[in-house]
Amino acid sequence: MVKVFAPAKINLTLHVTGLRDDGYHLLDSLVAFVDVGDQIIAEPAPDISLSVTGPFAQGVPTDEQNLAFKAAIISGYPMALTLDKRLPPSSGIGGGSADAAATLRAAMRLGGPQMTTEHALLLGADVPVCLGSKPTRLQGIGDMLTPVQLPALHMVLVNPKVEISTPKVFARLERKDNHAMPETLPQWPDSLAFTDWLGSQRNDLQEPAAKIAPEIAAVLVSLALSPDVLLARMSGSGATCFAIYPDRLTAEIAAAQLAQANPWWWIKTASTLPN
């Protein structure tokens, strides 16, 4: 039996730079992973099976509709899987993609065949970057991955418990050919320098997502007004937003205050995983 952590994926930036003829959007995104996530427990079995536990288990499919189940099929290694579901569904922090990537890693750790970016891409555009779970510049349709050195970041994640459809958000995006990040990214000496630079970048999906789910705007305002916040932004296609703080303690204080004022929101303190 193996246990594999499936860390949440945070899109620190998300620039939509084009639209291919086949309907895939071209992206330029800076991605980090944090110490909050789901967990996959796997053991060899005659056939693939999946059970789901955890605070967000309700309504999660346990068949081929689930990316973790699909990942087990692609791995070619039959396993009995348990998914401890701790990330909100359809929340813009790669929960399903992280689960699929963790399943591929579990299969390899149990002795299954080596899984590559090509295998991961069969499961979705976010799965290849989740397979590595390291700070990465993601370009193209998720197939162009470049490692990036990031300073340690401490943040608060907030989801207003609103599920949002990624295709609907992209459909509401007025312009599909936005500017990419600089071709060569700067070297950041510390988190303050990085956050200053990050403020000059964007998430192009934030505005259309907030039009679909106004709760996103409310979350962003609450984060922006929290003490000592350095930056607040939405991750992915929403609805989870993040705010960066100077240190972990400041983030924990902000999270406690936000939770007291908004007890119905999902709120977690998080720090980025090492490079």
Protein backbone atom coordinates (compact mmCIF):
# COMPACT_ATOMS: atom_id res chain seq x y z
CA MET A 1 0.00 0.00 0.00
CA VAL A 2 1.16 3.53 -0.76
CA LYS A 3 -0.14 6.95 0.27
CA VAL A 4 0.44 9.81 -2.18
CA PHE A 5 -0.27 13.46 -1.43
CA ALA A 6 -2.16 15.38 -4.14
CA PRO A 7 -1.26 19.03 -3.51
CA ALA A 8 -3.48 21.90 -4.60
CA LYS A 9 -2.26 23.73 -7.71
CA ILE A 10 -2.24 27.53 -7.52
CA ASN A 11 -2.19 29.54 -10.74
CA LEU A 12 -0.23 32.57 -9.57
CA THR A 13 -0.70 33.98 -13.07
CA LEU A 14 -2.93 32.81 -15.91
CA HIS A 15 -2.61 34.58 -19.26
CA VAL A 16 -4.84 33.29 -22.08
CA THR A 17 -2.78 33.90 -25.20
CA GLY A 18 -4.67 32.16 -28.01
CA LEU A 19 -7.31 29.71 -29.19
CA ARG A 20 -6.49 26.73 -31.39
CA ASP A 21 -8.75 25.47 -34.18
CA ASP A 22 -9.53 22.38 -32.11
CA GLY A 23 -10.96 24.53 -29.30
CA TYR A 24 -8.00 24.28 -26.89
CA HIS A 25 -6.92 27.56 -25.33
CA LEU A 26 -3.25 28.52 -25.27
CA LEU A 27 -2.02 29.56 -21.84
CA ASP A 28 0.98 31.12 -20.16
CA SER A 29 0.74 30.43 -16.44
CA LEU A 30 3.01 30.41 -13.42
CA VAL A 31 2.02 27.49 -11.20
CA ALA A 32 2.95 26.62 -7.63
CA PHE A 33 1.87 23.80 -5.32
CA VAL A 34 1.01 24.09 -1.64
CA ASP A 35 0.82 21.97 1.50
CA VAL A 36 -2.98 21.64 1.29
CA GLY A 37 -4.51 18.89 -0.82
CA ASP A 38 -6.16 15.52 -1.24
CA GLN A 39 -4.60 12.10 -0.66
CA ILE A 40 -4.62 8.91 -2.71
CA ILE A 41 -4.22 5.56 -0.95
CA ALA A 42 -3.51 2.71 -3.37
CA GLU A 43 -2.80 -0.99 -3.20
CA PRO A 44 -2.52 -3.67 -5.90
CA ALA A 45 -5.81 -5.38 -6.73
CA PRO A 46 -7.26 -7.70 -9.37
CA ASP A 47 -9.46 -4.87 -10.67
CA ILE A 48 -9.62 -1.09 -10.42
CA SER A 49 -11.90 0.26 -7.71
CA LEU A 50 -12.33 3.66 -6.07
CA SER A 51 -13.86 4.74 -2.79
CA VAL A 52 -14.03 8.36 -1.63
CA THR A 53 -13.79 9.71 1.92
CA GLY A 54 -13.23 13.15 3.42
CA PRO A 55 -15.19 16.39 3.85
CA PHE A 56 -15.90 16.78 0.12
CA ALA A 57 -16.68 13.14 -0.65
CA GLN A 58 -20.39 13.67 -1.26
CA GLY A 59 -21.31 13.50 -4.92
CA VAL A 60 -17.80 12.55 -6.10
CA PRO A 61 -18.10 9.79 -8.74
CA THR A 62 -16.37 6.48 -8.08
CA ASP A 63 -16.27 5.23 -11.67
CA GLU A 64 -14.70 6.33 -14.97
CA GLN A 65 -16.18 9.80 -14.55
CA ASN A 66 -13.52 10.35 -11.87
CA LEU A 67 -10.08 11.40 -13.16
CA ALA A 68 -8.33 9.24 -10.55
CA PHE A 69 -10.18 6.17 -11.85
CA LYS A 70 -9.27 7.14 -15.44
CA ALA A 71 -5.65 7.59 -14.37
CA ALA A 72 -5.63 4.06 -12.96
CA ILE A 73 -6.84 2.77 -16.32
CA ILE A 74 -4.14 4.68 -18.21
CA SER A 75 -1.46 3.45 -15.80
CA GLY A 76 -2.19 -0.12 -16.83
CA TYR A 77 -1.78 -1.17 -13.20
CA PRO A 78 -4.98 -2.31 -11.45
CA MET A 79 -5.35 -0.81 -7.98
CA ALA A 80 -7.86 -0.43 -5.18
CA LEU A 81 -7.93 3.32 -4.63
CA THR A 82 -9.17 5.43 -1.75
CA LEU A 83 -9.44 9.17 -2.37
CA ASP A 84 -9.43 11.37 0.73
CA LYS A 85 -11.19 14.39 -0.76
CA ARG A 86 -10.23 17.58 1.10
CA LEU A 87 -10.26 20.14 -1.73
CA PRO A 88 -13.55 21.66 -2.90
CA PRO A 89 -14.74 20.37 -6.30
CA SER A 90 -14.59 22.54 -9.43
CA SER A 91 -12.62 25.16 -7.54
CA GLY A 92 -9.72 26.24 -9.77
CA ILE A 93 -6.95 24.62 -7.71
CA GLY A 94 -6.57 21.42 -9.72
CA GLY A 95 -8.21 18.98 -7.32
CA GLY A 96 -9.24 16.41 -9.92
CA SER A 97 -6.02 16.85 -11.90
CA ALA A 98 -3.93 16.52 -8.74
CA ASP A 99 -5.81 13.32 -7.83
CA ALA A 100 -5.15 11.89 -11.30
CA ALA A 101 -1.45 12.77 -11.11
CA ALA A 102 -1.19 11.26 -7.62
CA THR A 103 -2.80 8.08 -8.94
CA LEU A 104 -0.20 7.86 -11.73
CA ARG A 105 2.58 8.35 -9.14
CA ALA A 106 1.00 5.68 -6.93
CA ALA A 107 0.98 3.18 -9.80
CA MET A 108 4.67 3.82 -10.48
CA ARG A 109 5.57 3.46 -6.79
CA LEU A 110 3.75 0.11 -6.69
CA GLY A 111 5.78 -1.16 -9.64
CA GLY A 112 3.69 -0.08 -12.62
CA PRO A 113 5.13 1.30 -15.87
CA GLN A 114 6.72 4.75 -16.07
CA MET A 115 4.17 7.50 -16.72
CA THR A 116 5.15 10.47 -18.91
CA THR A 117 3.77 13.89 -19.77
CA GLU A 118 2.10 12.30 -22.78
CA HIS A 119 0.20 9.86 -20.55
CA ALA A 120 -0.80 12.69 -18.19
CA LEU A 121 -2.01 14.92 -21.02
CA LEU A 122 -4.56 12.23 -21.98
CA LEU A 123 -6.28 13.02 -18.68
CA GLY A 124 -6.40 16.81 -19.05
CA ALA A 125 -4.34 19.95 -19.61
CA ASP A 126 -3.48 20.39 -15.90
CA VAL A 127 -2.41 16.81 -15.18
CA PRO A 128 1.15 17.01 -16.60
CA VAL A 129 2.12 19.92 -14.34
CA CYS A 130 0.48 18.17 -11.38
CA LEU A 131 2.52 15.06 -12.10
CA GLY A 132 5.66 17.02 -11.24
CA SER A 133 4.06 19.17 -8.51
CA LYS A 134 6.95 21.66 -8.67
CA PRO A 135 6.94 25.41 -9.43
CA THR A 136 6.51 25.56 -13.19
CA ARG A 137 5.83 27.87 -16.09
CA LEU A 138 3.03 26.21 -18.05
CA GLN A 139 2.57 27.14 -21.71
CA GLY A 140 0.70 25.91 -24.76
CA ILE A 141 -2.19 23.64 -23.81
CA GLY A 142 -0.33 22.42 -20.73
CA ASP A 143 2.26 20.42 -22.63
CA MET A 144 5.13 22.95 -22.44
CA LEU A 145 6.53 22.88 -18.89
CA THR A 146 9.55 24.85 -17.68
CA PRO A 147 10.81 24.55 -14.08
CA VAL A 148 10.93 27.85 -12.18
CA GLN A 149 12.69 28.82 -8.94
CA LEU A 150 10.24 30.61 -6.65
CA PRO A 151 10.77 32.05 -3.17
CA ALA A 152 8.70 30.53 -0.37
CA LEU A 153 5.17 31.97 -0.34
CA HIS A 154 2.65 31.98 2.51
CA MET A 155 -0.97 32.43 1.64
CA VAL A 156 -4.60 32.04 2.51
CA LEU A 157 -6.89 30.08 0.18
CA VAL A 158 -10.59 30.95 0.15
CA ASN A 159 -13.41 29.26 -1.72
CA PRO A 160 -16.96 30.60 -1.24
CA LYS A 161 -18.22 27.03 -1.79
CA VAL A 162 -19.46 27.88 -5.25
CA GLU A 163 -18.72 25.42 -8.05
CA ILE A 164 -17.95 27.05 -11.38
CA SER A 165 -17.71 25.51 -14.86
CA THR A 166 -14.34 26.06 -16.55
CA PRO A 167 -15.81 25.95 -20.10
CA LYS A 168 -18.39 28.59 -19.14
CA VAL A 169 -15.66 30.86 -17.80
CA PHE A 170 -13.60 30.54 -20.97
CA ALA A 171 -16.75 31.19 -23.02
CA ARG A 172 -17.26 34.49 -21.18
CA LEU A 173 -13.69 35.62 -21.86
CA GLU A 174 -14.00 38.44 -24.39
CA ARG A 175 -10.43 38.40 -25.70
CA LYS A 176 -8.54 35.16 -26.36
CA ASP A 177 -5.22 36.63 -27.59
CA ASN A 178 -3.91 38.42 -24.52
CA HIS A 179 -0.25 39.22 -23.86
CA ALA A 180 1.96 36.46 -22.48
CA MET A 181 4.33 36.86 -19.55
CA PRO A 182 7.83 38.14 -20.39
CA GLU A 183 9.78 35.65 -22.49
CA THR A 184 12.48 35.55 -19.82
CA LEU A 185 11.23 35.66 -16.26
CA PRO A 186 13.20 37.71 -13.73
CA GLN A 187 15.16 36.25 -10.83
CA TRP A 188 13.40 37.06 -7.56
CA PRO A 189 15.64 37.47 -4.48
CA ASP A 190 12.76 37.11 -2.02
CA SER A 191 9.00 36.85 -1.68
CA LEU A 192 8.49 40.63 -1.53
CA ALA A 193 10.29 41.13 -4.85
CA PHE A 194 8.32 38.28 -6.37
CA THR A 195 4.98 39.63 -5.13
CA ASP A 196 5.80 43.09 -6.49
CA TRP A 197 6.40 41.55 -9.92
CA LEU A 198 3.35 39.32 -9.61
CA GLY A 199 1.17 42.40 -9.22
CA SER A 200 2.06 43.40 -12.79
CA GLN A 201 0.74 40.09 -14.14
CA ARG A 202 -2.84 38.78 -14.46
CA ASN A 203 -5.40 36.05 -14.31
CA ASP A 204 -7.40 36.68 -17.48
CA LEU A 205 -10.21 34.43 -16.22
CA GLN A 206 -10.82 36.39 -13.02
CA GLU A 207 -13.18 38.97 -14.53
CA PRO A 208 -15.38 36.54 -16.51
CA ALA A 209 -15.51 34.14 -13.53
CA ALA A 210 -16.63 36.93 -11.21
CA LYS A 211 -19.43 37.79 -13.64
CA ILE A 212 -20.68 34.21 -13.41
CA ALA A 213 -20.15 33.93 -9.63
CA PRO A 214 -20.27 37.33 -7.89
CA GLU A 215 -19.14 35.62 -4.69
CA ILE A 216 -15.62 35.66 -6.17
CA ALA A 217 -15.57 39.46 -6.07
CA ALA A 218 -16.70 39.37 -2.43
CA VAL A 219 -13.85 36.99 -1.56
CA LEU A 220 -11.28 39.15 -3.35
CA VAL A 221 -12.45 42.27 -1.53
CA SER A 222 -12.27 40.50 1.85
CA LEU A 223 -8.75 39.25 1.10
CA ALA A 224 -7.61 42.65 -0.16
CA LEU A 225 -8.79 44.26 3.09
CA SER A 226 -7.08 41.73 5.36
CA PRO A 227 -4.12 42.97 7.45
CA ASP A 228 -0.67 43.00 5.83
CA VAL A 229 -1.85 41.38 2.60
CA LEU A 230 0.62 41.66 -0.29
CA LEU A 231 -1.58 40.50 -3.18
CA ALA A 232 -4.99 38.89 -3.75
CA ARG A 233 -6.04 37.05 -6.92
CA MET A 234 -8.19 34.21 -8.20
CA SER A 235 -6.61 30.85 -9.08
CA GLY A 236 -7.38 29.04 -12.32
CA SER A 237 -10.96 29.42 -13.48
CA GLY A 238 -12.21 29.90 -9.90
CA ALA A 239 -13.81 30.09 -7.58
CA THR A 240 -10.86 29.67 -5.18
CA CYS A 241 -8.88 32.84 -4.53
CA PHE A 242 -5.55 33.27 -2.78
CA ALA A 243 -3.81 36.07 -0.92
CA ILE A 244 -0.08 36.26 -0.19
CA TYR A 245 1.31 37.46 3.15
CA PRO A 246 4.82 38.22 4.44
CA ASP A 247 5.00 35.09 6.60
CA ARG A 248 3.03 32.06 7.78
CA LEU A 249 1.92 33.57 11.08
CA THR A 250 0.45 36.64 9.37
CA ALA A 251 -1.40 34.34 6.96
CA GLU A 252 -2.78 32.25 9.84
CA ILE A 253 -4.04 35.38 11.63
CA ALA A 254 -5.73 36.60 8.45
CA ALA A 255 -7.31 33.17 7.89
CA ALA A 256 -8.72 33.12 11.43
CA GLN A 257 -10.23 36.57 11.02
CA LEU A 258 -11.73 35.68 7.64
CA ALA A 259 -13.18 32.43 9.01
CA GLN A 260 -14.79 34.26 11.91
CA ALA A 261 -16.44 36.78 9.58
CA ASN A 262 -17.36 34.21 6.90
CA PRO A 263 -17.95 30.82 8.56
CA TRP A 264 -19.59 29.37 5.44
CA TRP A 265 -16.46 29.81 3.29
CA TRP A 266 -13.72 27.17 2.89
CA ILE A 267 -10.57 28.87 4.23
CA LYS A 268 -7.09 27.34 4.58
CA THR A 269 -3.63 28.66 5.36
CA ALA A 270 -1.06 27.30 2.91
CA SER A 271 2.65 27.51 2.10
CA THR A 272 4.28 26.59 -1.17
CA LEU A 273 6.09 23.27 -1.44
CA PRO A 274 9.88 23.38 -2.01
CA ASN A 275 11.29 23.96 -5.51
